[in-house]
């Protein structure tokens, strides 16, 4: 699920086909997004080491928000819960 979230985040960050449609996306957020699997595969940690990820994720008074991490998390969360429910059936 961690890899799926990272892939979805990067997809949403693409200037074409993603949510970054305003023209100020240059790919830095996408290139600086990584996933790390820790705790013997039980934990996935996604990081975006970009100075301006907060601006694109939440917006400012001068630009609209173009969130990519939250929509990817919301979609992955549903898939993860469905996978867990299928395991306990």
PDB file of N, CA and C in Angstrom:
ATOM      1  N   UNK A   1       0.810  -1.195   0.000  1.00  0.00           N
ATOM      2  CA  UNK A   1       0.000   0.000   0.000  1.00  0.00           C
ATOM      3  C   UNK A   1       0.853   1.258   0.000  1.00  0.00           C
ATOM      4  N   UNK A   2       2.021   1.188   0.628  1.00  0.00           N
ATOM      5  CA  UNK A   2       2.912   2.348   0.640  1.00  0.00           C
ATOM      6  C   UNK A   2       3.422   2.679  -0.746  1.00  0.00           C
ATOM      7  N   UNK A   3       3.793   1.651  -1.490  1.00  0.00           N
ATOM      8  CA  UNK A   3       4.258   1.869  -2.862  1.00  0.00           C
ATOM      9  C   UNK A   3       3.117   2.385  -3.736  1.00  0.00           C
ATOM     10  N   UNK A   4       1.908   1.871  -3.504  1.00  0.00           N
ATOM     11  CA  UNK A   4       0.752   2.339  -4.260  1.00  0.00           C
ATOM     12  C   UNK A   4       0.492   3.811  -3.980  1.00  0.00           C
ATOM     13  N   UNK A   5       0.604   4.218  -2.722  1.00  0.00           N
ATOM     14  CA  UNK A   5       0.387   5.624  -2.381  1.00  0.00           C
ATOM     15  C   UNK A   5       1.444   6.512  -3.021  1.00  0.00           C
ATOM     16  N   UNK A   6       2.685   6.055  -3.007  1.00  0.00           N
ATOM     17  CA  UNK A   6       3.754   6.835  -3.626  1.00  0.00           C
ATOM     18  C   UNK A   6       3.521   6.982  -5.122  1.00  0.00           C
ATOM     19  N   UNK A   7       3.130   5.901  -5.773  1.00  0.00           N
ATOM     20  CA  UNK A   7       2.857   5.954  -7.211  1.00  0.00           C
ATOM     21  C   UNK A   7       1.690   6.895  -7.518  1.00  0.00           C
ATOM     22  N   UNK A   8       0.630   6.809  -6.722  1.00  0.00           N
ATOM     23  CA  UNK A   8      -0.523   7.695  -6.933  1.00  0.00           C
ATOM     24  C   UNK A   8      -0.147   9.155  -6.701  1.00  0.00           C
ATOM     25  N   UNK A   9       0.648   9.412  -5.666  1.00  0.00           N
ATOM     26  CA  UNK A   9       1.083  10.782  -5.385  1.00  0.00           C
ATOM     27  C   UNK A   9       1.848  11.342  -6.562  1.00  0.00           C
ATOM     28  N   UNK A  10       2.781  10.547  -7.096  1.00  0.00           N
ATOM     29  CA  UNK A  10       3.574  11.004  -8.237  1.00  0.00           C
ATOM     30  C   UNK A  10       2.707  11.196  -9.473  1.00  0.00           C
ATOM     31  N   UNK A  11       1.703  10.346  -9.645  1.00  0.00           N
ATOM     32  CA  UNK A  11       0.781  10.503 -10.769  1.00  0.00           C
ATOM     33  C   UNK A  11      -0.012  11.795 -10.638  1.00  0.00           C
ATOM     34  N   UNK A  12      -0.497  12.076  -9.425  1.00  0.00           N
ATOM     35  CA  UNK A  12      -1.253  13.305  -9.207  1.00  0.00           C
ATOM     36  C   UNK A  12      -0.387  14.545  -9.368  1.00  0.00           C
ATOM     37  N   UNK A  13       0.926  14.411  -9.180  1.00  0.00           N
ATOM     38  CA  UNK A  13       1.835  15.552  -9.294  1.00  0.00           C
ATOM     39  C   UNK A  13       2.250  15.851 -10.731  1.00  0.00           C
ATOM     40  N   UNK A  14       1.874  15.003 -11.667  1.00  0.00           N
ATOM     41  CA  UNK A  14       2.257  15.231 -13.056  1.00  0.00           C
ATOM     42  C   UNK A  14       1.525  16.443 -13.610  1.00  0.00           C
ATOM     43  N   UNK A  15       2.232  17.285 -14.367  1.00  0.00           N
ATOM     44  CA  UNK A  15       1.577  18.474 -14.942  1.00  0.00           C
ATOM     45  C   UNK A  15       0.430  18.134 -15.884  1.00  0.00           C
ATOM     46  N   UNK A  16       0.513  17.007 -16.559  1.00  0.00           N
ATOM     47  CA  UNK A  16      -0.584  16.594 -17.447  1.00  0.00           C
ATOM     48  C   UNK A  16      -1.168  15.305 -16.902  1.00  0.00           C
ATOM     49  N   UNK A  17      -2.453  15.270 -16.752  1.00  0.00           N
ATOM     50  CA  UNK A  17      -3.114  14.077 -16.261  1.00  0.00           C
ATOM     51  C   UNK A  17      -3.249  14.023 -14.754  1.00  0.00           C
ATOM     52  N   UNK A  18      -2.563  14.899 -14.036  1.00  0.00           N
ATOM     53  CA  UNK A  18      -2.663  14.931 -12.589  1.00  0.00           C
ATOM     54  C   UNK A  18      -3.507  16.108 -12.141  1.00  0.00           C
ATOM     55  N   UNK A  19      -3.290  16.530 -10.928  1.00  0.00           N
ATOM     56  CA  UNK A  19      -4.026  17.680 -10.410  1.00  0.00           C
ATOM     57  C   UNK A  19      -3.250  18.971 -10.597  1.00  0.00           C
ATOM     58  N   UNK A  20      -1.989  18.881 -10.985  1.00  0.00           N
ATOM     59  CA  UNK A  20      -1.165  20.075 -11.187  1.00  0.00           C
ATOM     60  C   UNK A  20      -1.468  20.638 -12.572  1.00  0.00           C
ATOM     61  N   UNK A  21      -2.467  21.489 -12.658  1.00  0.00           N
ATOM     62  CA  UNK A  21      -2.914  21.999 -13.950  1.00  0.00           C
ATOM     63  C   UNK A  21      -2.696  23.491 -14.117  1.00  0.00           C
ATOM     64  N   UNK A  22      -2.204  24.171 -13.115  1.00  0.00           N
ATOM     65  CA  UNK A  22      -2.092  25.626 -13.179  1.00  0.00           C
ATOM     66  C   UNK A  22      -0.857  26.107 -13.923  1.00  0.00           C
ATOM     67  N   UNK A  23       0.085  25.233 -14.212  1.00  0.00           N
ATOM     68  CA  UNK A  23       1.245  25.639 -14.986  1.00  0.00           C
ATOM     69  C   UNK A  23       2.478  25.949 -14.179  1.00  0.00           C
ATOM     70  N   UNK A  24       2.391  25.937 -12.847  1.00  0.00           N
ATOM     71  CA  UNK A  24       3.589  26.212 -12.080  1.00  0.00           C
ATOM     72  C   UNK A  24       4.276  24.949 -11.579  1.00  0.00           C
ATOM     73  N   UNK A  25       3.833  23.788 -12.017  1.00  0.00           N
ATOM     74  CA  UNK A  25       4.498  22.537 -11.657  1.00  0.00           C
ATOM     75  C   UNK A  25       5.652  22.275 -12.625  1.00  0.00           C
ATOM     76  N   UNK A  26       6.817  22.098 -12.072  1.00  0.00           N
ATOM     77  CA  UNK A  26       7.999  21.823 -12.891  1.00  0.00           C
ATOM     78  C   UNK A  26       8.578  20.440 -12.621  1.00  0.00           C
ATOM     79  N   UNK A  27       7.941  19.644 -11.757  1.00  0.00           N
ATOM     80  CA  UNK A  27       8.379  18.278 -11.509  1.00  0.00           C
ATOM     81  C   UNK A  27       9.265  18.099 -10.296  1.00  0.00           C
ATOM     82  N   UNK A  28       9.593  19.184  -9.580  1.00  0.00           N
ATOM     83  CA  UNK A  28      10.461  19.060  -8.415  1.00  0.00           C
ATOM     84  C   UNK A  28       9.800  18.265  -7.298  1.00  0.00           C
ATOM     85  N   UNK A  29       8.530  18.494  -7.048  1.00  0.00           N
ATOM     86  CA  UNK A  29       7.828  17.724  -6.012  1.00  0.00           C
ATOM     87  C   UNK A  29       7.797  16.239  -6.362  1.00  0.00           C
ATOM     88  N   UNK A  30       7.537  15.951  -7.608  1.00  0.00           N
ATOM     89  CA  UNK A  30       7.465  14.554  -8.045  1.00  0.00           C
ATOM     90  C   UNK A  30       8.829  13.871  -7.917  1.00  0.00           C
ATOM     91  N   UNK A  31       9.886  14.559  -8.314  1.00  0.00           N
ATOM     92  CA  UNK A  31      11.228  13.964  -8.222  1.00  0.00           C
ATOM     93  C   UNK A  31      11.698  13.793  -6.784  1.00  0.00           C
ATOM     94  N   UNK A  32      11.192  14.615  -5.867  1.00  0.00           N
ATOM     95  CA  UNK A  32      11.658  14.536  -4.490  1.00  0.00           C
ATOM     96  C   UNK A  32      10.752  13.692  -3.594  1.00  0.00           C
ATOM     97  N   UNK A  33       9.791  12.989  -4.165  1.00  0.00           N
ATOM     98  CA  UNK A  33       8.906  12.109  -3.400  1.00  0.00           C
ATOM     99  C   UNK A  33       9.468  10.692  -3.417  1.00  0.00           C
ATOM    100  N   UNK A  34       9.674  10.145  -2.217  1.00  0.00           N
ATOM    101  CA  UNK A  34      10.234   8.803  -2.069  1.00  0.00           C
ATOM    102  C   UNK A  34       9.436   8.029  -1.036  1.00  0.00           C
ATOM    103  N   UNK A  35       9.496   6.711  -1.141  1.00  0.00           N
ATOM    104  CA  UNK A  35       8.867   5.842  -0.145  1.00  0.00           C
ATOM    105  C   UNK A  35       9.960   4.958   0.452  1.00  0.00           C
ATOM    106  N   UNK A  36       9.886   4.766   1.765  1.00  0.00           N
ATOM    107  CA  UNK A  36      10.835   3.923   2.477  1.00  0.00           C
ATOM    108  C   UNK A  36      10.040   2.882   3.251  1.00  0.00           C
ATOM    109  N   UNK A  37      10.377   1.611   3.064  1.00  0.00           N
ATOM    110  CA  UNK A  37       9.711   0.521   3.770  1.00  0.00           C
ATOM    111  C   UNK A  37      10.580   0.161   4.970  1.00  0.00           C
ATOM    112  N   UNK A  38       9.994   0.235   6.176  1.00  0.00           N
ATOM    113  CA  UNK A  38      10.742  -0.051   7.402  1.00  0.00           C
ATOM    114  C   UNK A  38       9.967  -1.048   8.261  1.00  0.00           C
ATOM    115  N   UNK A  39      10.512  -1.423   9.386  1.00  0.00           N
ATOM    116  CA  UNK A  39       9.894  -2.369  10.328  1.00  0.00           C
ATOM    117  C   UNK A  39       9.552  -3.695   9.661  1.00  0.00           C
ATOM    118  N   UNK A  40      10.524  -4.257   8.946  1.00  0.00           N
ATOM    119  CA  UNK A  40      10.335  -5.546   8.260  1.00  0.00           C
ATOM    120  C   UNK A  40       9.120  -5.546   7.337  1.00  0.00           C
ATOM    121  N   UNK A  41       8.901  -4.431   6.662  1.00  0.00           N
ATOM    122  CA  UNK A  41       7.810  -4.343   5.697  1.00  0.00           C
ATOM    123  C   UNK A  41       6.464  -3.976   6.287  1.00  0.00           C
ATOM    124  N   UNK A  42       6.412  -3.648   7.577  1.00  0.00           N
ATOM    125  CA  UNK A  42       5.142  -3.325   8.217  1.00  0.00           C
ATOM    126  C   UNK A  42       4.805  -1.841   8.161  1.00  0.00           C
ATOM    127  N   UNK A  43       5.785  -1.005   7.837  1.00  0.00           N
ATOM    128  CA  UNK A  43       5.563   0.438   7.810  1.00  0.00           C
ATOM    129  C   UNK A  43       6.127   1.016   6.525  1.00  0.00           C
ATOM    130  N   UNK A  44       5.352   1.861   5.881  1.00  0.00           N
ATOM    131  CA  UNK A  44       5.822   2.589   4.705  1.00  0.00           C
ATOM    132  C   UNK A  44       5.834   4.069   5.053  1.00  0.00           C
ATOM    133  N   UNK A  45       6.942   4.708   4.775  1.00  0.00           N
ATOM    134  CA  UNK A  45       7.088   6.131   5.091  1.00  0.00           C
ATOM    135  C   UNK A  45       7.340   6.882   3.793  1.00  0.00           C
ATOM    136  N   UNK A  46       6.413   7.759   3.448  1.00  0.00           N
ATOM    137  CA  UNK A  46       6.568   8.565   2.238  1.00  0.00           C
ATOM    138  C   UNK A  46       7.019   9.956   2.625  1.00  0.00           C
ATOM    139  N   UNK A  47       8.025  10.452   1.946  1.00  0.00           N
ATOM    140  CA  UNK A  47       8.513  11.804   2.187  1.00  0.00           C
ATOM    141  C   UNK A  47       8.598  12.556   0.873  1.00  0.00           C
ATOM    142  N   UNK A  48       8.377  13.843   0.947  1.00  0.00           N
ATOM    143  CA  UNK A  48       8.588  14.733  -0.178  1.00  0.00           C
ATOM    144  C   UNK A  48       9.512  15.833   0.305  1.00  0.00           C
ATOM    145  N   UNK A  49      10.759  15.755  -0.097  1.00  0.00           N
ATOM    146  CA  UNK A  49      11.777  16.700   0.361  1.00  0.00           C
ATOM    147  C   UNK A  49      11.857  17.888  -0.581  1.00  0.00           C
ATOM    148  N   UNK A  50      10.824  18.677  -0.580  1.00  0.00           N
ATOM    149  CA  UNK A  50      10.752  19.866  -1.411  1.00  0.00           C
ATOM    150  C   UNK A  50      10.393  21.038  -0.513  1.00  0.00           C
ATOM    151  N   UNK A  51      11.037  22.161  -0.738  1.00  0.00           N
ATOM    152  CA  UNK A  51      10.774  23.334   0.097  1.00  0.00           C
ATOM    153  C   UNK A  51       9.376  23.900  -0.106  1.00  0.00           C
ATOM    154  N   UNK A  52       8.761  23.626  -1.237  1.00  0.00           N
ATOM    155  CA  UNK A  52       7.476  24.258  -1.541  1.00  0.00           C
ATOM    156  C   UNK A  52       6.309  23.282  -1.628  1.00  0.00           C
ATOM    157  N   UNK A  53       6.446  22.074  -1.099  1.00  0.00           N
ATOM    158  CA  UNK A  53       5.350  21.106  -1.172  1.00  0.00           C
ATOM    159  C   UNK A  53       4.118  21.614  -0.413  1.00  0.00           C
ATOM    160  N   UNK A  54       4.323  22.320   0.667  1.00  0.00           N
ATOM    161  CA  UNK A  54       3.190  22.856   1.425  1.00  0.00           C
ATOM    162  C   UNK A  54       2.383  23.872   0.638  1.00  0.00           C
ATOM    163  N   UNK A  55       3.073  24.639  -0.193  1.00  0.00           N
ATOM    164  CA  UNK A  55       2.378  25.646  -0.999  1.00  0.00           C
ATOM    165  C   UNK A  55       1.481  24.992  -2.045  1.00  0.00           C
ATOM    166  N   UNK A  56       1.986  23.964  -2.711  1.00  0.00           N
ATOM    167  CA  UNK A  56       1.159  23.312  -3.727  1.00  0.00           C
ATOM    168  C   UNK A  56       0.085  22.440  -3.085  1.00  0.00           C
ATOM    169  N   UNK A  57       0.380  21.861  -1.935  1.00  0.00           N
ATOM    170  CA  UNK A  57      -0.594  20.982  -1.282  1.00  0.00           C
ATOM    171  C   UNK A  57      -1.749  21.775  -0.658  1.00  0.00           C
ATOM    172  N   UNK A  58      -1.446  22.898  -0.026  1.00  0.00           N
ATOM    173  CA  UNK A  58      -2.469  23.663   0.689  1.00  0.00           C
ATOM    174  C   UNK A  58      -2.821  24.998   0.040  1.00  0.00           C
ATOM    175  N   UNK A  59      -1.975  25.483  -0.852  1.00  0.00           N
ATOM    176  CA  UNK A  59      -2.220  26.750  -1.504  1.00  0.00           C
ATOM    177  C   UNK A  59      -1.746  27.922  -0.658  1.00  0.00           C
ATOM    178  N   UNK A  60      -1.807  29.082  -1.247  1.00  0.00           N
ATOM    179  CA  UNK A  60      -1.477  30.326  -0.549  1.00  0.00           C
ATOM    180  C   UNK A  60      -2.575  31.328  -0.887  1.00  0.00           C
ATOM    181  N   UNK A  61      -2.413  32.532  -0.434  1.00  0.00           N
ATOM    182  CA  UNK A  61      -3.420  33.530  -0.794  1.00  0.00           C
ATOM    183  C   UNK A  61      -3.287  33.954  -2.248  1.00  0.00           C
ATOM    184  N   UNK A  62      -2.170  33.595  -2.885  1.00  0.00           N
ATOM    185  CA  UNK A  62      -1.937  33.958  -4.282  1.00  0.00           C
ATOM    186  C   UNK A  62      -2.173  32.814  -5.260  1.00  0.00           C
ATOM    187  N   UNK A  63      -2.272  31.588  -4.764  1.00  0.00           N
ATOM    188  CA  UNK A  63      -2.462  30.445  -5.665  1.00  0.00           C
ATOM    189  C   UNK A  63      -3.372  29.410  -5.014  1.00  0.00           C
ATOM    190  N   UNK A  64      -4.132  28.741  -5.855  1.00  0.00           N
ATOM    191  CA  UNK A  64      -5.027  27.700  -5.379  1.00  0.00           C
ATOM    192  C   UNK A  64      -4.229  26.472  -4.975  1.00  0.00           C
ATOM    193  N   UNK A  65      -4.771  25.729  -4.047  1.00  0.00           N
ATOM    194  CA  UNK A  65      -4.156  24.465  -3.647  1.00  0.00           C
ATOM    195  C   UNK A  65      -4.327  23.442  -4.762  1.00  0.00           C
ATOM    196  N   UNK A  66      -3.290  22.650  -4.954  1.00  0.00           N
ATOM    197  CA  UNK A  66      -3.353  21.507  -5.866  1.00  0.00           C
ATOM    198  C   UNK A  66      -2.847  20.287  -5.107  1.00  0.00           C
ATOM    199  N   UNK A  67      -3.666  19.774  -4.183  1.00  0.00           N
ATOM    200  CA  UNK A  67      -3.211  18.669  -3.340  1.00  0.00           C
ATOM    201  C   UNK A  67      -2.967  17.398  -4.142  1.00  0.00           C
ATOM    202  N   UNK A  68      -1.907  16.707  -3.800  1.00  0.00           N
ATOM    203  CA  UNK A  68      -1.597  15.426  -4.411  1.00  0.00           C
ATOM    204  C   UNK A  68      -1.431  14.344  -3.348  1.00  0.00           C
ATOM    205  N   UNK A  69      -0.888  14.708  -2.194  1.00  0.00           N
ATOM    206  CA  UNK A  69      -0.630  13.715  -1.148  1.00  0.00           C
ATOM    207  C   UNK A  69      -1.932  13.277  -0.483  1.00  0.00           C
ATOM    208  N   UNK A  70      -2.783  14.213  -0.127  1.00  0.00           N
ATOM    209  CA  UNK A  70      -4.054  13.870   0.541  1.00  0.00           C
ATOM    210  C   UNK A  70      -4.968  13.024  -0.342  1.00  0.00           C
ATOM    211  N   UNK A  71      -5.181  13.361  -1.610  1.00  0.00           N
ATOM    212  CA  UNK A  71      -6.019  12.481  -2.441  1.00  0.00           C
ATOM    213  C   UNK A  71      -5.422  11.087  -2.617  1.00  0.00           C
ATOM    214  N   UNK A  72      -4.101  11.009  -2.723  1.00  0.00           N
ATOM    215  CA  UNK A  72      -3.464   9.692  -2.843  1.00  0.00           C
ATOM    216  C   UNK A  72      -3.648   8.897  -1.562  1.00  0.00           C
ATOM    217  N   UNK A  73      -3.507   9.556  -0.410  1.00  0.00           N
ATOM    218  CA  UNK A  73      -3.715   8.885   0.870  1.00  0.00           C
ATOM    219  C   UNK A  73      -5.152   8.399   1.001  1.00  0.00           C
ATOM    220  N   UNK A  74      -6.117   9.254   0.659  1.00  0.00           N
ATOM    221  CA  UNK A  74      -7.525   8.874   0.781  1.00  0.00           C
ATOM    222  C   UNK A  74      -7.865   7.669  -0.081  1.00  0.00           C
ATOM    223  N   UNK A  75      -7.354   7.632  -1.291  1.00  0.00           N
ATOM    224  CA  UNK A  75      -7.633   6.505  -2.179  1.00  0.00           C
ATOM    225  C   UNK A  75      -6.934   5.237  -1.703  1.00  0.00           C
ATOM    226  N   UNK A  76      -5.695   5.362  -1.248  1.00  0.00           N
ATOM    227  CA  UNK A  76      -4.947   4.201  -0.764  1.00  0.00           C
ATOM    228  C   UNK A  76      -5.563   3.663   0.515  1.00  0.00           C
ATOM    229  N   UNK A  77      -6.075   4.556   1.368  1.00  0.00           N
ATOM    230  CA  UNK A  77      -6.699   4.145   2.629  1.00  0.00           C
ATOM    231  C   UNK A  77      -7.892   3.225   2.370  1.00  0.00           C
ATOM    232  N   UNK A  78      -8.699   3.562   1.392  1.00  0.00           N
ATOM    233  CA  UNK A  78      -9.868   2.733   1.055  1.00  0.00           C
ATOM    234  C   UNK A  78      -9.409   1.363   0.564  1.00  0.00           C
ATOM    235  N   UNK A  79      -8.420   1.341  -0.323  1.00  0.00           N
ATOM    236  CA  UNK A  79      -7.908   0.065  -0.832  1.00  0.00           C
ATOM    237  C   UNK A  79      -7.299  -0.777   0.286  1.00  0.00           C
ATOM    238  N   UNK A  80      -6.581  -0.139   1.208  1.00  0.00           N
ATOM    239  CA  UNK A  80      -5.961  -0.853   2.321  1.00  0.00           C
ATOM    240  C   UNK A  80      -7.018  -1.471   3.225  1.00  0.00           C
ATOM    241  N   UNK A  81      -8.071  -0.705   3.538  1.00  0.00           N
ATOM    242  CA  UNK A  81      -9.146  -1.239   4.376  1.00  0.00           C
ATOM    243  C   UNK A  81      -9.848  -2.409   3.693  1.00  0.00           C
ATOM    244  N   UNK A  82     -10.063  -2.311   2.391  1.00  0.00           N
ATOM    245  CA  UNK A  82     -10.685  -3.415   1.658  1.00  0.00           C
ATOM    246  C   UNK A  82      -9.801  -4.656   1.681  1.00  0.00           C
ATOM    247  N   UNK A  83      -8.497  -4.474   1.542  1.00  0.00           N
ATOM    248  CA  UNK A  83      -7.571  -5.608   1.614  1.00  0.00           C
ATOM    249  C   UNK A  83      -7.613  -6.265   2.987  1.00  0.00           C
ATOM    250  N   UNK A  84      -7.652  -5.452   4.041  1.00  0.00           N
ATOM    251  CA  UNK A  84      -7.741  -6.014   5.394  1.00  0.00           C
ATOM    252  C   UNK A  84      -9.045  -6.763   5.596  1.00  0.00           C
ATOM    253  N   UNK A  85     -10.150  -6.206   5.122  1.00  0.00           N
ATOM    254  CA  UNK A  85     -11.433  -6.891   5.255  1.00  0.00           C
ATOM    255  C   UNK A  85     -11.436  -8.212   4.508  1.00  0.00           C
ATOM    256  N   UNK A  86     -10.796  -8.268   3.349  1.00  0.00           N
ATOM    257  CA  UNK A  86     -10.734  -9.514   2.592  1.00  0.00           C
ATOM    258  C   UNK A  86      -9.865 -10.548   3.285  1.00  0.00           C
ATOM    259  N   UNK A  87      -8.881 -10.120   4.046  1.00  0.00           N
ATOM    260  CA  UNK A  87      -8.018 -11.061   4.769  1.00  0.00           C
ATOM    261  C   UNK A  87      -8.741 -11.726   5.939  1.00  0.00           C
ATOM    262  N   UNK A  88      -9.610 -11.012   6.595  1.00  0.00           N
ATOM    263  CA  UNK A  88     -10.276 -11.563   7.789  1.00  0.00           C
ATOM    264  C   UNK A  88     -11.582 -12.275   7.475  1.00  0.00           C
ATOM    265  N   UNK A  89     -11.990 -12.318   6.243  1.00  0.00           N
ATOM    266  CA  UNK A  89     -13.219 -13.032   5.882  1.00  0.00           C
ATOM    267  C   UNK A  89     -13.023 -14.520   5.941  1.00  0.00           C
TER     268      UNK A  89
END
